[in-house]
PDB file of N, CA and C in Angstrom:
ATOM      1  N   MET A   1      -0.607  14.693   1.549  1.00  0.00           N
ATOM      2  CA  MET A   1      -0.558  13.468   0.806  1.00  0.00           C
ATOM      3  C   MET A   1      -1.344  12.952   1.831  1.00  0.00           C
ATOM      4  N   ILE A   2      -2.552  12.285   1.453  1.00  0.00           N
ATOM      5  CA  ILE A   2      -3.607  11.536   2.087  1.00  0.00           C
ATOM      6  C   ILE A   2      -2.437  10.140   2.987  1.00  0.00           C
ATOM      7  N   GLU A   3      -2.946  10.064   4.189  1.00  0.00           N
ATOM      8  CA  GLU A   3      -2.882   9.296   4.814  1.00  0.00           C
ATOM      9  C   GLU A   3      -3.659   7.810   4.938  1.00  0.00           C
ATOM     10  N   LYS A   4      -2.503   6.131   5.067  1.00  0.00           N
ATOM     11  CA  LYS A   4      -3.420   4.711   4.630  1.00  0.00           C
ATOM     12  C   LYS A   4      -4.236   5.389   5.515  1.00  0.00           C
ATOM     13  N   GLU A   5      -3.548   5.404   7.099  1.00  0.00           N
ATOM     14  CA  GLU A   5      -4.935   5.450   8.423  1.00  0.00           C
ATOM     15  C   GLU A   5      -6.043   6.296   7.633  1.00  0.00           C
ATOM     16  N   GLN A   6      -6.666   7.313   6.809  1.00  0.00           N
ATOM     17  CA  GLN A   6      -7.735   7.769   6.347  1.00  0.00           C
ATOM     18  C   GLN A   6      -8.425   7.065   5.509  1.00  0.00           C
ATOM     19  N   VAL A   7      -7.483   5.940   4.624  1.00  0.00           N
ATOM     20  CA  VAL A   7      -7.834   5.897   3.657  1.00  0.00           C
ATOM     21  C   VAL A   7      -8.855   4.385   3.985  1.00  0.00           C
ATOM     22  N   ILE A   8      -8.278   3.756   5.083  1.00  0.00           N
ATOM     23  CA  ILE A   8      -8.848   2.550   5.815  1.00  0.00           C
ATOM     24  C   ILE A   8     -10.106   3.020   6.404  1.00  0.00           C
ATOM     25  N   GLU A   9      -9.963   4.536   7.104  1.00  0.00           N
ATOM     26  CA  GLU A   9     -11.303   4.464   7.574  1.00  0.00           C
ATOM     27  C   GLU A   9     -12.653   4.599   6.768  1.00  0.00           C
ATOM     28  N   TYR A  10     -11.918   5.128   5.797  1.00  0.00           N
ATOM     29  CA  TYR A  10     -13.488   5.459   4.621  1.00  0.00           C
ATOM     30  C   TYR A  10     -13.567   4.000   4.230  1.00  0.00           C
ATOM     31  N   LEU A  11     -12.938   3.324   3.983  1.00  0.00           N
ATOM     32  CA  LEU A  11     -12.789   1.422   3.603  1.00  0.00           C
ATOM     33  C   LEU A  11     -14.058   1.389   4.530  1.00  0.00           C
ATOM     34  N   LYS A  12     -14.166   1.011   5.847  1.00  0.00           N
ATOM     35  CA  LYS A  12     -14.668   1.062   6.767  1.00  0.00           C
ATOM     36  C   LYS A  12     -16.035   1.262   6.910  1.00  0.00           C
ATOM     37  N   GLN A  13     -16.504   1.976   5.981  1.00  0.00           N
ATOM     38  CA  GLN A  13     -17.951   2.717   5.663  1.00  0.00           C
ATOM     39  C   GLN A  13     -17.928   1.736   4.754  1.00  0.00           C
ATOM     40  N   VAL A  14     -17.445   0.972   3.888  1.00  0.00           N
ATOM     41  CA  VAL A  14     -18.302   0.475   2.738  1.00  0.00           C
ATOM     42  C   VAL A  14     -18.671  -1.265   3.381  1.00  0.00           C
ATOM     43  N   GLN A  15     -19.881  -1.106   2.820  1.00  0.00           N
ATOM     44  CA  GLN A  15     -20.443  -2.568   3.894  1.00  0.00           C
ATOM     45  C   GLN A  15     -20.911  -3.900   2.842  1.00  0.00           C
ATOM     46  N   ASP A  16     -20.676  -4.212   3.322  1.00  0.00           N
ATOM     47  CA  ASP A  16     -20.515  -5.517   1.864  1.00  0.00           C
ATOM     48  C   ASP A  16     -22.327  -6.181   1.481  1.00  0.00           C
ATOM     49  N   PRO A  17     -22.744  -5.615   0.742  1.00  0.00           N
ATOM     50  CA  PRO A  17     -23.911  -5.882   0.816  1.00  0.00           C
ATOM     51  C   PRO A  17     -25.607  -7.553   1.583  1.00  0.00           C
ATOM     52  N   GLU A  18     -24.223  -8.254   1.281  1.00  0.00           N
ATOM     53  CA  GLU A  18     -25.175  -9.324   1.678  1.00  0.00           C
ATOM     54  C   GLU A  18     -24.675  -9.747   3.234  1.00  0.00           C
ATOM     55  N   LEU A  19     -23.550  -9.559   3.948  1.00  0.00           N
ATOM     56  CA  LEU A  19     -23.036  -9.819   5.515  1.00  0.00           C
ATOM     57  C   LEU A  19     -23.298  -8.407   6.251  1.00  0.00           C
ATOM     58  N   ASN A  20     -23.488  -7.213   5.434  1.00  0.00           N
ATOM     59  CA  ASN A  20     -23.837  -6.519   6.478  1.00  0.00           C
ATOM     60  C   ASN A  20     -22.341  -5.967   7.228  1.00  0.00           C
ATOM     61  N   ILE A  21     -21.501  -6.172   6.723  1.00  0.00           N
ATOM     62  CA  ILE A  21     -19.281  -6.136   7.400  1.00  0.00           C
ATOM     63  C   ILE A  21     -19.331  -5.546   6.346  1.00  0.00           C
ATOM     64  N   ASP A  22     -18.291  -4.557   6.668  1.00  0.00           N
ATOM     65  CA  ASP A  22     -17.379  -3.565   5.833  1.00  0.00           C
ATOM     66  C   ASP A  22     -16.424  -4.345   5.077  1.00  0.00           C
ATOM     67  N   VAL A  23     -15.925  -3.452   3.810  1.00  0.00           N
ATOM     68  CA  VAL A  23     -15.106  -4.366   3.031  1.00  0.00           C
ATOM     69  C   VAL A  23     -13.271  -4.501   4.360  1.00  0.00           C
ATOM     70  N   TRP A  24     -12.937  -4.071   5.047  1.00  0.00           N
ATOM     71  CA  TRP A  24     -12.090  -3.716   5.755  1.00  0.00           C
ATOM     72  C   TRP A  24     -11.886  -4.821   7.013  1.00  0.00           C
ATOM     73  N   THR A  25     -13.175  -5.163   7.561  1.00  0.00           N
ATOM     74  CA  THR A  25     -13.331  -5.617   8.726  1.00  0.00           C
ATOM     75  C   THR A  25     -13.461  -7.170   7.970  1.00  0.00           C
ATOM     76  N   LEU A  26     -14.348  -7.525   6.825  1.00  0.00           N
ATOM     77  CA  LEU A  26     -13.951  -8.850   5.852  1.00  0.00           C
ATOM     78  C   LEU A  26     -12.509  -9.500   5.657  1.00  0.00           C
ATOM     79  N   GLY A  27     -11.956  -8.477   5.335  1.00  0.00           N
ATOM     80  CA  GLY A  27     -10.369  -8.826   4.802  1.00  0.00           C
ATOM     81  C   GLY A  27     -10.258  -8.953   3.351  1.00  0.00           C
ATOM     82  N   LEU A  28     -11.212  -7.659   2.859  1.00  0.00           N
ATOM     83  CA  LEU A  28     -11.416  -7.965   1.423  1.00  0.00           C
ATOM     84  C   LEU A  28     -10.314  -7.378   1.169  1.00  0.00           C
ATOM     85  N   ILE A  29      -9.432  -6.501   1.592  1.00  0.00           N
ATOM     86  CA  ILE A  29      -9.016  -4.776   0.961  1.00  0.00           C
ATOM     87  C   ILE A  29      -7.115  -6.353   1.384  1.00  0.00           C
ATOM     88  N   TYR A  30      -6.548  -6.182   0.464  1.00  0.00           N
ATOM     89  CA  TYR A  30      -5.045  -6.649   0.163  1.00  0.00           C
ATOM     90  C   TYR A  30      -4.374  -5.990   0.146  1.00  0.00           C
ATOM     91  N   ASP A  31      -4.722  -4.774  -0.352  1.00  0.00           N
ATOM     92  CA  ASP A  31      -3.166  -3.538  -0.369  1.00  0.00           C
ATOM     93  C   ASP A  31      -3.640  -2.091  -0.755  1.00  0.00           C
ATOM     94  N   ILE A  32      -3.021  -1.175  -0.376  1.00  0.00           N
ATOM     95  CA  ILE A  32      -3.681  -0.075  -0.493  1.00  0.00           C
ATOM     96  C   ILE A  32      -2.270   1.007  -0.769  1.00  0.00           C
ATOM     97  N   LYS A  33      -2.336   1.189  -2.332  1.00  0.00           N
ATOM     98  CA  LYS A  33      -1.066   1.988  -2.520  1.00  0.00           C
ATOM     99  C   LYS A  33      -1.710   3.902  -3.159  1.00  0.00           C
ATOM    100  N   ILE A  34      -0.746   4.711  -2.230  1.00  0.00           N
ATOM    101  CA  ILE A  34      -1.479   6.000  -2.111  1.00  0.00           C
ATOM    102  C   ILE A  34      -0.268   6.558  -3.287  1.00  0.00           C
ATOM    103  N   ALA A  35      -0.630   7.584  -4.189  1.00  0.00           N
ATOM    104  CA  ALA A  35       0.462   8.395  -4.967  1.00  0.00           C
ATOM    105  C   ALA A  35      -0.265   9.282  -5.636  1.00  0.00           C
ATOM    106  N   GLU A  36       0.133  10.706  -4.623  1.00  0.00           N
ATOM    107  CA  GLU A  36       0.126  11.942  -4.819  1.00  0.00           C
ATOM    108  C   GLU A  36      -1.825  12.033  -4.874  1.00  0.00           C
ATOM    109  N   ASP A  37      -2.379  11.996  -5.756  1.00  0.00           N
ATOM    110  CA  ASP A  37      -3.996  12.324  -5.690  1.00  0.00           C
ATOM    111  C   ASP A  37      -4.976  11.173  -6.178  1.00  0.00           C
ATOM    112  N   ALA A  38      -3.706  10.091  -6.142  1.00  0.00           N
ATOM    113  CA  ALA A  38      -4.731   8.262  -6.563  1.00  0.00           C
ATOM    114  C   ALA A  38      -4.271   7.983  -5.843  1.00  0.00           C
ATOM    115  N   LEU A  39      -5.211   6.805  -5.777  1.00  0.00           N
ATOM    116  CA  LEU A  39      -5.695   5.568  -5.001  1.00  0.00           C
ATOM    117  C   LEU A  39      -4.876   4.036  -5.688  1.00  0.00           C
ATOM    118  N   ASN A  40      -4.519   3.374  -5.049  1.00  0.00           N
ATOM    119  CA  ASN A  40      -4.639   1.860  -6.068  1.00  0.00           C
ATOM    120  C   ASN A  40      -4.787   1.085  -4.973  1.00  0.00           C
ATOM    121  N   ILE A  41      -6.175   0.512  -4.697  1.00  0.00           N
ATOM    122  CA  ILE A  41      -6.731  -0.717  -4.271  1.00  0.00           C
ATOM    123  C   ILE A  41      -6.881  -1.934  -4.884  1.00  0.00           C
ATOM    124  N   GLN A  42      -6.200  -3.085  -4.261  1.00  0.00           N
ATOM    125  CA  GLN A  42      -6.338  -4.518  -4.181  1.00  0.00           C
ATOM    126  C   GLN A  42      -7.200  -5.076  -3.383  1.00  0.00           C
ATOM    127  N   MET A  43      -8.300  -6.013  -3.769  1.00  0.00           N
ATOM    128  CA  MET A  43      -8.903  -6.275  -3.235  1.00  0.00           C
ATOM    129  C   MET A  43      -9.550  -7.753  -3.421  1.00  0.00           C
ATOM    130  N   THR A  44     -10.016  -8.657  -3.125  1.00  0.00           N
ATOM    131  CA  THR A  44     -10.907  -9.797  -3.362  1.00  0.00           C
ATOM    132  C   THR A  44     -12.863  -9.507  -3.178  1.00  0.00           C
ATOM    133  N   PHE A  45     -13.080 -10.794  -3.414  1.00  0.00           N
ATOM    134  CA  PHE A  45     -14.230 -10.912  -2.993  1.00  0.00           C
ATOM    135  C   PHE A  45     -14.278 -11.990  -2.127  1.00  0.00           C
ATOM    136  N   THR A  46     -15.525 -12.481  -1.191  1.00  0.00           N
ATOM    137  CA  THR A  46     -15.908 -13.473  -0.297  1.00  0.00           C
ATOM    138  C   THR A  46     -16.182 -14.956  -1.741  1.00  0.00           C
ATOM    139  N   THR A  47     -16.277 -14.471  -2.811  1.00  0.00           N
ATOM    140  CA  THR A  47     -16.548 -15.528  -3.255  1.00  0.00           C
ATOM    141  C   THR A  47     -15.709 -14.975  -5.197  1.00  0.00           C
ATOM    142  N   PRO A  48     -15.238 -15.752  -5.962  1.00  0.00           N
ATOM    143  CA  PRO A  48     -15.392 -15.351  -7.247  1.00  0.00           C
ATOM    144  C   PRO A  48     -16.561 -14.801  -8.073  1.00  0.00           C
ATOM    145  N   MET A  49     -17.659 -15.200  -7.393  1.00  0.00           N
ATOM    146  CA  MET A  49     -18.918 -15.114  -8.346  1.00  0.00           C
ATOM    147  C   MET A  49     -19.424 -14.465  -7.767  1.00  0.00           C
ATOM    148  N   CYS A  50     -19.239 -13.885  -6.727  1.00  0.00           N
ATOM    149  CA  CYS A  50     -19.528 -12.688  -6.107  1.00  0.00           C
ATOM    150  C   CYS A  50     -20.742 -12.000  -6.792  1.00  0.00           C
ATOM    151  N   PRO A  51     -22.267 -12.030  -6.442  1.00  0.00           N
ATOM    152  CA  PRO A  51     -23.084 -11.094  -7.375  1.00  0.00           C
ATOM    153  C   PRO A  51     -22.441  -9.951  -6.921  1.00  0.00           C
ATOM    154  N   TYR A  52     -22.424  -9.378  -5.777  1.00  0.00           N
ATOM    155  CA  TYR A  52     -22.427  -8.183  -5.224  1.00  0.00           C
ATOM    156  C   TYR A  52     -21.124  -6.730  -5.525  1.00  0.00           C
ATOM    157  N   GLY A  53     -19.912  -8.267  -6.517  1.00  0.00           N
ATOM    158  CA  GLY A  53     -18.594  -7.482  -6.818  1.00  0.00           C
ATOM    159  C   GLY A  53     -18.675  -5.973  -7.358  1.00  0.00           C
ATOM    160  N   PRO A  54     -19.242  -6.254  -8.210  1.00  0.00           N
ATOM    161  CA  PRO A  54     -19.452  -4.547  -9.144  1.00  0.00           C
ATOM    162  C   PRO A  54     -19.768  -3.212  -8.216  1.00  0.00           C
ATOM    163  N   THR A  55     -21.040  -3.911  -7.723  1.00  0.00           N
ATOM    164  CA  THR A  55     -21.375  -2.963  -6.740  1.00  0.00           C
ATOM    165  C   THR A  55     -20.331  -2.480  -5.511  1.00  0.00           C
ATOM    166  N   LEU A  56     -20.094  -3.660  -5.272  1.00  0.00           N
ATOM    167  CA  LEU A  56     -18.772  -3.344  -4.013  1.00  0.00           C
ATOM    168  C   LEU A  56     -17.820  -2.473  -4.588  1.00  0.00           C
ATOM    169  N   VAL A  57     -17.312  -2.263  -5.745  1.00  0.00           N
ATOM    170  CA  VAL A  57     -16.088  -1.812  -6.298  1.00  0.00           C
ATOM    171  C   VAL A  57     -16.369  -0.212  -6.444  1.00  0.00           C
ATOM    172  N   GLU A  58     -17.906  -0.179  -7.156  1.00  0.00           N
ATOM    173  CA  GLU A  58     -18.135   0.843  -7.074  1.00  0.00           C
ATOM    174  C   GLU A  58     -18.274   1.485  -5.950  1.00  0.00           C
ATOM    175  N   SER A  59     -18.843   0.860  -4.958  1.00  0.00           N
ATOM    176  CA  SER A  59     -19.231   1.877  -3.625  1.00  0.00           C
ATOM    177  C   SER A  59     -17.868   2.296  -3.242  1.00  0.00           C
ATOM    178  N   ILE A  60     -16.761   1.136  -3.598  1.00  0.00           N
ATOM    179  CA  ILE A  60     -15.398   1.537  -2.601  1.00  0.00           C
ATOM    180  C   ILE A  60     -15.223   2.902  -3.550  1.00  0.00           C
ATOM    181  N   LYS A  61     -14.894   3.001  -5.260  1.00  0.00           N
ATOM    182  CA  LYS A  61     -14.480   3.925  -5.637  1.00  0.00           C
ATOM    183  C   LYS A  61     -15.156   5.372  -5.282  1.00  0.00           C
ATOM    184  N   MET A  62     -16.186   5.192  -5.611  1.00  0.00           N
ATOM    185  CA  MET A  62     -17.371   6.223  -4.571  1.00  0.00           C
ATOM    186  C   MET A  62     -16.734   7.278  -3.439  1.00  0.00           C
ATOM    187  N   LYS A  63     -16.403   6.178  -2.673  1.00  0.00           N
ATOM    188  CA  LYS A  63     -16.461   6.867  -0.826  1.00  0.00           C
ATOM    189  C   LYS A  63     -14.912   6.977  -1.493  1.00  0.00           C
ATOM    190  N   LEU A  64     -13.671   6.351  -1.726  1.00  0.00           N
ATOM    191  CA  LEU A  64     -12.754   7.149  -1.675  1.00  0.00           C
ATOM    192  C   LEU A  64     -12.539   8.516  -2.487  1.00  0.00           C
ATOM    193  N   LEU A  65     -13.658   8.298  -3.755  1.00  0.00           N
ATOM    194  CA  LEU A  65     -13.282   9.615  -4.601  1.00  0.00           C
ATOM    195  C   LEU A  65     -13.938  11.214  -3.493  1.00  0.00           C
ATOM    196  N   SER A  66     -14.902  10.945  -2.231  1.00  0.00           N
ATOM    197  CA  SER A  66     -15.181  11.661  -1.282  1.00  0.00           C
ATOM    198  C   SER A  66     -13.847  12.279  -0.204  1.00  0.00           C
ATOM    199  N   LEU A  67     -13.170  11.317  -0.652  1.00  0.00           N
ATOM    200  CA  LEU A  67     -11.594  11.921   0.035  1.00  0.00           C
ATOM    201  C   LEU A  67     -10.969  13.472  -0.616  1.00  0.00           C
ATOM    202  N   GLU A  68     -10.958  13.961  -0.007  1.00  0.00           N
ATOM    203  CA  GLU A  68      -9.964  14.949  -0.063  1.00  0.00           C
ATOM    204  C   GLU A  68      -8.723  14.775  -0.781  1.00  0.00           C
ATOM    205  N   LYS A  69      -8.704  15.974  -1.802  1.00  0.00           N
ATOM    206  CA  LYS A  69      -7.527  15.856  -2.816  1.00  0.00           C
ATOM    207  C   LYS A  69      -6.866  14.341  -3.619  1.00  0.00           C
ATOM    208  N   ILE A  70      -8.321  13.725  -3.414  1.00  0.00           N
ATOM    209  CA  ILE A  70      -8.049  11.738  -4.027  1.00  0.00           C
ATOM    210  C   ILE A  70      -8.600  12.474  -5.777  1.00  0.00           C
ATOM    211  N   ASN A  71      -8.251  12.241  -6.692  1.00  0.00           N
ATOM    212  CA  ASN A  71      -8.490  12.277  -8.422  1.00  0.00           C
ATOM    213  C   ASN A  71      -9.172  11.158  -9.130  1.00  0.00           C
ATOM    214  N   GLN A  72      -8.157  10.034  -8.251  1.00  0.00           N
ATOM    215  CA  GLN A  72      -8.663   8.433  -9.335  1.00  0.00           C
ATOM    216  C   GLN A  72      -8.638   8.064  -7.614  1.00  0.00           C
ATOM    217  N   VAL A  73      -9.339   6.464  -8.617  1.00  0.00           N
ATOM    218  CA  VAL A  73      -9.566   5.061  -7.731  1.00  0.00           C
ATOM    219  C   VAL A  73      -9.170   4.695  -8.440  1.00  0.00           C
ATOM    220  N   ASP A  74      -8.211   3.637  -8.757  1.00  0.00           N
ATOM    221  CA  ASP A  74      -8.105   2.251  -9.024  1.00  0.00           C
ATOM    222  C   ASP A  74      -8.564   1.245  -8.373  1.00  0.00           C
ATOM    223  N   VAL A  75      -8.799   0.371  -8.110  1.00  0.00           N
ATOM    224  CA  VAL A  75      -9.377  -1.016  -7.786  1.00  0.00           C
ATOM    225  C   VAL A  75      -9.226  -2.490  -8.472  1.00  0.00           C
ATOM    226  N   GLU A  76      -8.263  -3.256  -8.619  1.00  0.00           N
ATOM    227  CA  GLU A  76      -7.255  -4.014  -8.924  1.00  0.00           C
ATOM    228  C   GLU A  76      -8.251  -5.361  -8.274  1.00  0.00           C
ATOM    229  N   VAL A  77      -9.455  -5.984  -8.662  1.00  0.00           N
ATOM    230  CA  VAL A  77      -9.531  -7.413  -8.234  1.00  0.00           C
ATOM    231  C   VAL A  77      -8.741  -8.818  -8.527  1.00  0.00           C
ATOM    232  N   VAL A  78      -8.695  -9.218  -7.086  1.00  0.00           N
ATOM    233  CA  VAL A  78      -8.032 -10.332  -7.459  1.00  0.00           C
ATOM    234  C   VAL A  78      -8.269 -11.605  -6.664  1.00  0.00           C
ATOM    235  N   PHE A  79      -7.687 -13.022  -7.097  1.00  0.00           N
ATOM    236  CA  PHE A  79      -8.126 -13.884  -6.109  1.00  0.00           C
ATOM    237  C   PHE A  79      -7.632 -14.950  -5.775  1.00  0.00           C
ATOM    238  N   ASP A  80      -5.664 -14.436  -5.971  1.00  0.00           N
ATOM    239  CA  ASP A  80      -5.230 -14.877  -5.196  1.00  0.00           C
ATOM    240  C   ASP A  80      -4.250 -14.225  -4.259  1.00  0.00           C
ATOM    241  N   PRO A  81      -4.277 -14.280  -2.858  1.00  0.00           N
ATOM    242  CA  PRO A  81      -4.539 -15.528  -1.974  1.00  0.00           C
ATOM    243  C   PRO A  81      -6.562 -15.449  -2.262  1.00  0.00           C
ATOM    244  N   PRO A  82      -6.665 -16.553  -2.196  1.00  0.00           N
ATOM    245  CA  PRO A  82      -8.344 -16.880  -1.904  1.00  0.00           C
ATOM    246  C   PRO A  82      -9.139 -15.829  -0.538  1.00  0.00           C
ATOM    247  N   TRP A  83      -9.762 -15.606  -0.625  1.00  0.00           N
ATOM    248  CA  TRP A  83     -10.503 -15.073   0.785  1.00  0.00           C
ATOM    249  C   TRP A  83     -10.800 -16.071   1.729  1.00  0.00           C
ATOM    250  N   GLN A  84     -10.207 -15.799   2.652  1.00  0.00           N
ATOM    251  CA  GLN A  84     -10.048 -16.539   3.758  1.00  0.00           C
ATOM    252  C   GLN A  84     -10.650 -15.613   5.235  1.00  0.00           C
ATOM    253  N   PRO A  85     -11.571 -16.310   5.782  1.00  0.00           N
ATOM    254  CA  PRO A  85     -12.322 -15.218   6.901  1.00  0.00           C
ATOM    255  C   PRO A  85     -10.946 -15.741   7.808  1.00  0.00           C
ATOM    256  N   ASN A  86     -10.777 -14.749   9.451  1.00  0.00           N
ATOM    257  CA  ASN A  86      -9.535 -14.730  10.355  1.00  0.00           C
ATOM    258  C   ASN A  86     -10.890 -15.452  11.109  1.00  0.00           C
ATOM    259  N   ASP A  87     -10.625 -16.095  12.201  1.00  0.00           N
ATOM    260  CA  ASP A  87     -11.340 -16.410  13.603  1.00  0.00           C
ATOM    261  C   ASP A  87     -12.356 -15.595  14.392  1.00  0.00           C
ATOM    262  N   GLU A  88     -11.695 -14.171  14.106  1.00  0.00           N
ATOM    263  CA  GLU A  88     -12.590 -13.213  14.715  1.00  0.00           C
ATOM    264  C   GLU A  88     -13.876 -13.475  13.856  1.00  0.00           C
ATOM    265  N   LEU A  89     -13.743 -13.278  12.124  1.00  0.00           N
ATOM    266  CA  LEU A  89     -14.739 -12.901  11.385  1.00  0.00           C
ATOM    267  C   LEU A  89     -15.554 -13.935  11.447  1.00  0.00           C
ATOM    268  N   ARG A  90     -14.878 -15.042  11.728  1.00  0.00           N
ATOM    269  CA  ARG A  90     -15.719 -16.412  11.604  1.00  0.00           C
ATOM    270  C   ARG A  90     -16.546 -16.674  12.801  1.00  0.00           C
ATOM    271  N   ALA A  91     -16.322 -16.175  14.300  1.00  0.00           N
ATOM    272  CA  ALA A  91     -17.081 -15.956  14.961  1.00  0.00           C
ATOM    273  C   ALA A  91     -18.601 -15.023  14.849  1.00  0.00           C
ATOM    274  N   MET A  92     -17.844 -14.013  13.919  1.00  0.00           N
ATOM    275  CA  MET A  92     -19.017 -12.727  14.155  1.00  0.00           C
ATOM    276  C   MET A  92     -19.816 -13.290  12.785  1.00  0.00           C
ATOM    277  N   LEU A  93     -19.707 -13.605  12.197  1.00  0.00           N
ATOM    278  CA  LEU A  93     -20.424 -14.722  10.834  1.00  0.00           C
ATOM    279  C   LEU A  93     -21.075 -15.898  11.472  1.00  0.00           C
ATOM    280  N   GLY A  94     -20.766 -16.156  12.672  1.00  0.00           N
ATOM    281  CA  GLY A  94     -21.378 -17.447  13.203  1.00  0.00           C
ATOM    282  C   GLY A  94     -21.129 -19.053  12.474  1.00  0.00           C
ATOM    283  N   VAL A  95     -19.898 -19.190  11.840  1.00  0.00           N
ATOM    284  CA  VAL A  95     -19.586 -20.686  10.756  1.00  0.00           C
ATOM    285  C   VAL A  95     -18.123 -21.066  11.738  1.00  0.00           C
TER     286      VAL A  95
END
């Protein structure tokens, strides 16, 4: 079975097209569930009306489906709790 750390490494390869920072570092990934050959990812966007939201979801699915033995990836987008960048990320973003 795939390890959570492997999934995280693959998520770190998916960049937010607007901020050019990966979805893991941005803190957009809230939960990862692994079941045999399937993954369930719970995530959020930087804003509810994020124009790149559908692109991010599709990029995550494509990247994770390239993992050996993974045949299904479901991505659930939630907005509770709302996204809040941590202090380190705020410094990276200059805000």
